[in-house]
Amino acid sequence: MTRQLALMAGVAALAGTAGLTALVRPSLARRALRLPDAEPTVYGLRIGGMMLLALGLFLGGFAAVATLAGTA
């Protein structure tokens, strides 16, 4: 695995972990970001968490496919 693919896999893992945390436990993300305890905040954190989780899945998938295809 080249350095670029390792970096992409690392960013994918970080984005996926942060997104899953914000999606499943928005109260933890809300306290970490010091956001107010309101219903729109929870919705926003869940939407942002899903976007980060999708980013992690796509980056991780592309890194895995590139490694398996032997392009690296």
PDB file of N, CA and C in Angstrom:
ATOM      1  N   MET A   1       0.858  -1.177   0.000  1.00  0.00           N
ATOM      2  CA  MET A   1       0.000   0.000   0.000  1.00  0.00           C
ATOM      3  C   MET A   1       0.899   1.235   0.000  1.00  0.00           C
ATOM      4  N   THR A   2       0.620   2.133  -0.901  1.00  0.00           N
ATOM      5  CA  THR A   2       1.421   3.351  -0.971  1.00  0.00           C
ATOM      6  C   THR A   2       1.017   4.319   0.136  1.00  0.00           C
ATOM      7  N   ARG A   3       1.801   5.343   0.275  1.00  0.00           N
ATOM      8  CA  ARG A   3       1.534   6.335   1.313  1.00  0.00           C
ATOM      9  C   ARG A   3       0.202   7.040   1.088  1.00  0.00           C
ATOM     10  N   GLN A   4      -0.149   7.301  -0.167  1.00  0.00           N
ATOM     11  CA  GLN A   4      -1.404   7.977  -0.449  1.00  0.00           C
ATOM     12  C   GLN A   4      -2.608   7.116  -0.063  1.00  0.00           C
ATOM     13  N   LEU A   5      -2.527   5.818  -0.350  1.00  0.00           N
ATOM     14  CA  LEU A   5      -3.631   4.940   0.015  1.00  0.00           C
ATOM     15  C   LEU A   5      -3.727   4.751   1.520  1.00  0.00           C
ATOM     16  N   ALA A   6      -2.585   4.700   2.185  1.00  0.00           N
ATOM     17  CA  ALA A   6      -2.601   4.598   3.650  1.00  0.00           C
ATOM     18  C   ALA A   6      -3.202   5.856   4.263  1.00  0.00           C
ATOM     19  N   LEU A   7      -2.873   7.010   3.707  1.00  0.00           N
ATOM     20  CA  LEU A   7      -3.440   8.264   4.185  1.00  0.00           C
ATOM     21  C   LEU A   7      -4.949   8.300   3.927  1.00  0.00           C
ATOM     22  N   MET A   8      -5.379   7.821   2.759  1.00  0.00           N
ATOM     23  CA  MET A   8      -6.799   7.791   2.450  1.00  0.00           C
ATOM     24  C   MET A   8      -7.538   6.841   3.396  1.00  0.00           C
ATOM     25  N   ALA A   9      -6.940   5.709   3.702  1.00  0.00           N
ATOM     26  CA  ALA A   9      -7.571   4.769   4.629  1.00  0.00           C
ATOM     27  C   ALA A   9      -7.633   5.352   6.041  1.00  0.00           C
ATOM     28  N   GLY A  10      -6.606   6.089   6.453  1.00  0.00           N
ATOM     29  CA  GLY A  10      -6.623   6.731   7.766  1.00  0.00           C
ATOM     30  C   GLY A  10      -7.689   7.806   7.873  1.00  0.00           C
ATOM     31  N   VAL A  11      -7.808   8.632   6.846  1.00  0.00           N
ATOM     32  CA  VAL A  11      -8.845   9.668   6.833  1.00  0.00           C
ATOM     33  C   VAL A  11     -10.225   9.018   6.816  1.00  0.00           C
ATOM     34  N   ALA A  12     -10.360   7.910   6.093  1.00  0.00           N
ATOM     35  CA  ALA A  12     -11.632   7.189   6.050  1.00  0.00           C
ATOM     36  C   ALA A  12     -12.004   6.664   7.433  1.00  0.00           C
ATOM     37  N   ALA A  13     -11.032   6.134   8.149  1.00  0.00           N
ATOM     38  CA  ALA A  13     -11.303   5.614   9.491  1.00  0.00           C
ATOM     39  C   ALA A  13     -11.687   6.734  10.447  1.00  0.00           C
ATOM     40  N   LEU A  14     -10.985   7.853  10.388  1.00  0.00           N
ATOM     41  CA  LEU A  14     -11.319   8.983  11.259  1.00  0.00           C
ATOM     42  C   LEU A  14     -12.697   9.560  10.939  1.00  0.00           C
ATOM     43  N   ALA A  15     -12.976   9.743   9.660  1.00  0.00           N
ATOM     44  CA  ALA A  15     -14.272  10.300   9.265  1.00  0.00           C
ATOM     45  C   ALA A  15     -15.401   9.342   9.624  1.00  0.00           C
ATOM     46  N   GLY A  16     -15.197   8.056   9.397  1.00  0.00           N
ATOM     47  CA  GLY A  16     -16.218   7.078   9.733  1.00  0.00           C
ATOM     48  C   GLY A  16     -16.492   7.000  11.223  1.00  0.00           C
ATOM     49  N   THR A  17     -15.436   7.057  12.025  1.00  0.00           N
ATOM     50  CA  THR A  17     -15.601   7.003  13.476  1.00  0.00           C
ATOM     51  C   THR A  17     -16.304   8.252  13.996  1.00  0.00           C
ATOM     52  N   ALA A  18     -15.875   9.413  13.522  1.00  0.00           N
ATOM     53  CA  ALA A  18     -16.519  10.656  13.950  1.00  0.00           C
ATOM     54  C   ALA A  18     -17.978  10.706  13.491  1.00  0.00           C
ATOM     55  N   GLY A  19     -18.227  10.257  12.271  1.00  0.00           N
ATOM     56  CA  GLY A  19     -19.595  10.257  11.755  1.00  0.00           C
ATOM     57  C   GLY A  19     -20.497   9.290  12.497  1.00  0.00           C
ATOM     58  N   LEU A  20     -19.981   8.115  12.815  1.00  0.00           N
ATOM     59  CA  LEU A  20     -20.786   7.143  13.543  1.00  0.00           C
ATOM     60  C   LEU A  20     -21.091   7.633  14.950  1.00  0.00           C
ATOM     61  N   THR A  21     -20.125   8.292  15.580  1.00  0.00           N
ATOM     62  CA  THR A  21     -20.360   8.847  16.908  1.00  0.00           C
ATOM     63  C   THR A  21     -21.421   9.938  16.866  1.00  0.00           C
ATOM     64  N   ALA A  22     -21.332  10.842  15.893  1.00  0.00           N
ATOM     65  CA  ALA A  22     -22.319  11.920  15.787  1.00  0.00           C
ATOM     66  C   ALA A  22     -23.688  11.390  15.396  1.00  0.00           C
ATOM     67  N   LEU A  23     -23.719  10.291  14.662  1.00  0.00           N
ATOM     68  CA  LEU A  23     -24.989   9.728  14.224  1.00  0.00           C
ATOM     69  C   LEU A  23     -25.687   8.959  15.347  1.00  0.00           C
ATOM     70  N   VAL A  24     -24.935   8.163  16.068  1.00  0.00           N
ATOM     71  CA  VAL A  24     -25.532   7.307  17.094  1.00  0.00           C
ATOM     72  C   VAL A  24     -25.676   8.035  18.426  1.00  0.00           C
ATOM     73  N   ARG A  25     -24.666   8.790  18.804  1.00  0.00           N
ATOM     74  CA  ARG A  25     -24.681   9.516  20.083  1.00  0.00           C
ATOM     75  C   ARG A  25     -24.495  11.013  19.847  1.00  0.00           C
ATOM     76  N   PRO A  26     -25.508  11.705  19.352  1.00  0.00           N
ATOM     77  CA  PRO A  26     -25.352  13.139  19.076  1.00  0.00           C
ATOM     78  C   PRO A  26     -25.102  13.953  20.337  1.00  0.00           C
ATOM     79  N   SER A  27     -25.474  13.425  21.507  1.00  0.00           N
ATOM     80  CA  SER A  27     -25.228  14.173  22.743  1.00  0.00           C
ATOM     81  C   SER A  27     -23.731  14.303  23.019  1.00  0.00           C
ATOM     82  N   LEU A  28     -22.946  13.265  22.702  1.00  0.00           N
ATOM     83  CA  LEU A  28     -21.489  13.357  22.875  1.00  0.00           C
ATOM     84  C   LEU A  28     -20.889  14.407  21.942  1.00  0.00           C
ATOM     85  N   ALA A  29     -21.309  14.392  20.698  1.00  0.00           N
ATOM     86  CA  ALA A  29     -20.801  15.369  19.737  1.00  0.00           C
ATOM     87  C   ALA A  29     -21.252  16.779  20.100  1.00  0.00           C
ATOM     88  N   ARG A  30     -22.487  16.899  20.609  1.00  0.00           N
ATOM     89  CA  ARG A  30     -22.996  18.218  20.996  1.00  0.00           C
ATOM     90  C   ARG A  30     -22.180  18.799  22.141  1.00  0.00           C
ATOM     91  N   ARG A  31     -21.870  17.962  23.148  1.00  0.00           N
ATOM     92  CA  ARG A  31     -21.058  18.439  24.266  1.00  0.00           C
ATOM     93  C   ARG A  31     -19.635  18.757  23.840  1.00  0.00           C
ATOM     94  N   ALA A  32     -19.063  17.954  22.948  1.00  0.00           N
ATOM     95  CA  ALA A  32     -17.698  18.195  22.482  1.00  0.00           C
ATOM     96  C   ALA A  32     -17.600  19.487  21.674  1.00  0.00           C
ATOM     97  N   LEU A  33     -18.641  19.789  20.905  1.00  0.00           N
ATOM     98  CA  LEU A  33     -18.658  21.006  20.092  1.00  0.00           C
ATOM     99  C   LEU A  33     -19.264  22.201  20.816  1.00  0.00           C
ATOM    100  N   ARG A  34     -19.733  21.986  22.055  1.00  0.00           N
ATOM    101  CA  ARG A  34     -20.351  23.030  22.888  1.00  0.00           C
ATOM    102  C   ARG A  34     -21.520  23.699  22.174  1.00  0.00           C
ATOM    103  N   LEU A  35     -22.413  22.873  21.657  1.00  0.00           N
ATOM    104  CA  LEU A  35     -23.605  23.365  20.978  1.00  0.00           C
ATOM    105  C   LEU A  35     -24.785  23.350  21.942  1.00  0.00           C
ATOM    106  N   PRO A  36     -25.793  24.169  21.695  1.00  0.00           N
ATOM    107  CA  PRO A  36     -26.948  24.192  22.600  1.00  0.00           C
ATOM    108  C   PRO A  36     -27.758  22.896  22.515  1.00  0.00           C
ATOM    109  N   ASP A  37     -28.450  22.617  23.598  1.00  0.00           N
ATOM    110  CA  ASP A  37     -29.287  21.414  23.655  1.00  0.00           C
ATOM    111  C   ASP A  37     -30.667  21.741  23.073  1.00  0.00           C
ATOM    112  N   ALA A  38     -30.770  21.605  21.759  1.00  0.00           N
ATOM    113  CA  ALA A  38     -32.026  21.892  21.069  1.00  0.00           C
ATOM    114  C   ALA A  38     -32.270  20.815  20.020  1.00  0.00           C
ATOM    115  N   GLU A  39     -33.523  20.653  19.644  1.00  0.00           N
ATOM    116  CA  GLU A  39     -33.886  19.619  18.676  1.00  0.00           C
ATOM    117  C   GLU A  39     -33.255  19.847  17.297  1.00  0.00           C
ATOM    118  N   PRO A  40     -33.195  21.088  16.783  1.00  0.00           N
ATOM    119  CA  PRO A  40     -32.523  21.283  15.488  1.00  0.00           C
ATOM    120  C   PRO A  40     -31.034  20.941  15.521  1.00  0.00           C
ATOM    121  N   THR A  41     -30.414  21.114  16.689  1.00  0.00           N
ATOM    122  CA  THR A  41     -28.999  20.758  16.817  1.00  0.00           C
ATOM    123  C   THR A  41     -28.810  19.257  16.647  1.00  0.00           C
ATOM    124  N   VAL A  42     -29.694  18.483  17.241  1.00  0.00           N
ATOM    125  CA  VAL A  42     -29.616  17.023  17.129  1.00  0.00           C
ATOM    126  C   VAL A  42     -29.808  16.587  15.682  1.00  0.00           C
ATOM    127  N   TYR A  43     -30.785  17.189  15.005  1.00  0.00           N
ATOM    128  CA  TYR A  43     -31.006  16.853  13.597  1.00  0.00           C
ATOM    129  C   TYR A  43     -29.783  17.202  12.759  1.00  0.00           C
ATOM    130  N   GLY A  44     -29.215  18.357  12.994  1.00  0.00           N
ATOM    131  CA  GLY A  44     -28.023  18.766  12.251  1.00  0.00           C
ATOM    132  C   GLY A  44     -26.842  17.849  12.500  1.00  0.00           C
ATOM    133  N   LEU A  45     -26.661  17.434  13.745  1.00  0.00           N
ATOM    134  CA  LEU A  45     -25.561  16.524  14.063  1.00  0.00           C
ATOM    135  C   LEU A  45     -25.781  15.156  13.424  1.00  0.00           C
ATOM    136  N   ARG A  46     -27.010  14.692  13.369  1.00  0.00           N
ATOM    137  CA  ARG A  46     -27.273  13.401  12.731  1.00  0.00           C
ATOM    138  C   ARG A  46     -27.053  13.470  11.215  1.00  0.00           C
ATOM    139  N   ILE A  47     -27.449  14.567  10.612  1.00  0.00           N
ATOM    140  CA  ILE A  47     -27.221  14.724   9.171  1.00  0.00           C
ATOM    141  C   ILE A  47     -25.722  14.811   8.888  1.00  0.00           C
ATOM    142  N   GLY A  48     -25.020  15.616   9.661  1.00  0.00           N
ATOM    143  CA  GLY A  48     -23.568  15.722   9.489  1.00  0.00           C
ATOM    144  C   GLY A  48     -22.859  14.404   9.775  1.00  0.00           C
ATOM    145  N   GLY A  49     -23.338  13.672  10.778  1.00  0.00           N
ATOM    146  CA  GLY A  49     -22.755  12.374  11.085  1.00  0.00           C
ATOM    147  C   GLY A  49     -22.932  11.382   9.953  1.00  0.00           C
ATOM    148  N   MET A  50     -24.092  11.399   9.324  1.00  0.00           N
ATOM    149  CA  MET A  50     -24.320  10.497   8.190  1.00  0.00           C
ATOM    150  C   MET A  50     -23.428  10.873   7.019  1.00  0.00           C
ATOM    151  N   MET A  51     -23.217  12.172   6.808  1.00  0.00           N
ATOM    152  CA  MET A  51     -22.326  12.601   5.724  1.00  0.00           C
ATOM    153  C   MET A  51     -20.887  12.157   5.984  1.00  0.00           C
ATOM    154  N   LEU A  52     -20.434  12.296   7.228  1.00  0.00           N
ATOM    155  CA  LEU A  52     -19.076  11.851   7.559  1.00  0.00           C
ATOM    156  C   LEU A  52     -18.945  10.333   7.452  1.00  0.00           C
ATOM    157  N   LEU A  53     -19.960   9.607   7.870  1.00  0.00           N
ATOM    158  CA  LEU A  53     -19.935   8.159   7.757  1.00  0.00           C
ATOM    159  C   LEU A  53     -19.887   7.729   6.294  1.00  0.00           C
ATOM    160  N   ALA A  54     -20.662   8.388   5.446  1.00  0.00           N
ATOM    161  CA  ALA A  54     -20.632   8.076   4.018  1.00  0.00           C
ATOM    162  C   ALA A  54     -19.267   8.395   3.416  1.00  0.00           C
ATOM    163  N   LEU A  55     -18.657   9.497   3.834  1.00  0.00           N
ATOM    164  CA  LEU A  55     -17.314   9.835   3.364  1.00  0.00           C
ATOM    165  C   LEU A  55     -16.325   8.741   3.744  1.00  0.00           C
ATOM    166  N   GLY A  56     -16.409   8.279   4.984  1.00  0.00           N
ATOM    167  CA  GLY A  56     -15.518   7.205   5.428  1.00  0.00           C
ATOM    168  C   GLY A  56     -15.722   5.919   4.647  1.00  0.00           C
ATOM    169  N   LEU A  57     -16.986   5.579   4.381  1.00  0.00           N
ATOM    170  CA  LEU A  57     -17.261   4.363   3.624  1.00  0.00           C
ATOM    171  C   LEU A  57     -16.742   4.458   2.189  1.00  0.00           C
ATOM    172  N   PHE A  58     -16.967   5.587   1.547  1.00  0.00           N
ATOM    173  CA  PHE A  58     -16.513   5.738   0.170  1.00  0.00           C
ATOM    174  C   PHE A  58     -14.991   5.771   0.077  1.00  0.00           C
ATOM    175  N   LEU A  59     -14.344   6.531   0.946  1.00  0.00           N
ATOM    176  CA  LEU A  59     -12.881   6.582   0.907  1.00  0.00           C
ATOM    177  C   LEU A  59     -12.271   5.224   1.225  1.00  0.00           C
ATOM    178  N   GLY A  60     -12.810   4.560   2.231  1.00  0.00           N
ATOM    179  CA  GLY A  60     -12.302   3.236   2.569  1.00  0.00           C
ATOM    180  C   GLY A  60     -12.530   2.235   1.453  1.00  0.00           C
ATOM    181  N   GLY A  61     -13.677   2.312   0.820  1.00  0.00           N
ATOM    182  CA  GLY A  61     -13.966   1.420  -0.307  1.00  0.00           C
ATOM    183  C   GLY A  61     -13.048   1.666  -1.489  1.00  0.00           C
ATOM    184  N   PHE A  62     -12.818   2.921  -1.815  1.00  0.00           N
ATOM    185  CA  PHE A  62     -11.922   3.235  -2.923  1.00  0.00           C
ATOM    186  C   PHE A  62     -10.490   2.797  -2.616  1.00  0.00           C
ATOM    187  N   ALA A  63     -10.041   2.979  -1.373  1.00  0.00           N
ATOM    188  CA  ALA A  63      -8.699   2.547  -1.002  1.00  0.00           C
ATOM    189  C   ALA A  63      -8.584   1.030  -1.079  1.00  0.00           C
ATOM    190  N   ALA A  64      -9.617   0.319  -0.637  1.00  0.00           N
ATOM    191  CA  ALA A  64      -9.588  -1.154  -0.693  1.00  0.00           C
ATOM    192  C   ALA A  64      -9.589  -1.652  -2.132  1.00  0.00           C
ATOM    193  N   VAL A  65     -10.420  -1.057  -2.983  1.00  0.00           N
ATOM    194  CA  VAL A  65     -10.485  -1.481  -4.375  1.00  0.00           C
ATOM    195  C   VAL A  65      -9.182  -1.173  -5.082  1.00  0.00           C
ATOM    196  N   ALA A  66      -8.584  -0.032  -4.817  1.00  0.00           N
ATOM    197  CA  ALA A  66      -7.315   0.312  -5.453  1.00  0.00           C
ATOM    198  C   ALA A  66      -6.208  -0.641  -5.014  1.00  0.00           C
ATOM    199  N   THR A  67      -6.245  -1.042  -3.745  1.00  0.00           N
ATOM    200  CA  THR A  67      -5.241  -1.989  -3.269  1.00  0.00           C
ATOM    201  C   THR A  67      -5.445  -3.369  -3.897  1.00  0.00           C
ATOM    202  N   LEU A  68      -6.702  -3.831  -3.945  1.00  0.00           N
ATOM    203  CA  LEU A  68      -6.979  -5.147  -4.521  1.00  0.00           C
ATOM    204  C   LEU A  68      -6.738  -5.194  -6.025  1.00  0.00           C
ATOM    205  N   ALA A  69      -6.956  -4.073  -6.704  1.00  0.00           N
ATOM    206  CA  ALA A  69      -6.747  -4.033  -8.154  1.00  0.00           C
ATOM    207  C   ALA A  69      -5.277  -3.975  -8.512  1.00  0.00           C
ATOM    208  N   GLY A  70      -4.446  -3.658  -7.530  1.00  0.00           N
ATOM    209  CA  GLY A  70      -3.012  -3.625  -7.788  1.00  0.00           C
ATOM    210  C   GLY A  70      -2.527  -2.361  -8.451  1.00  0.00           C
ATOM    211  N   THR A  71      -3.300  -1.294  -8.364  1.00  0.00           N
ATOM    212  CA  THR A  71      -2.875  -0.035  -8.970  1.00  0.00           C
ATOM    213  C   THR A  71      -1.836   0.672  -8.130  1.00  0.00           C
ATOM    214  N   ALA A  72      -1.664   0.245  -6.895  1.00  0.00           N
ATOM    215  CA  ALA A  72      -0.704   0.915  -6.024  1.00  0.00           C
ATOM    216  C   ALA A  72       0.584   0.145  -5.946  1.00  0.00           C
TER     217      ALA A  72
END
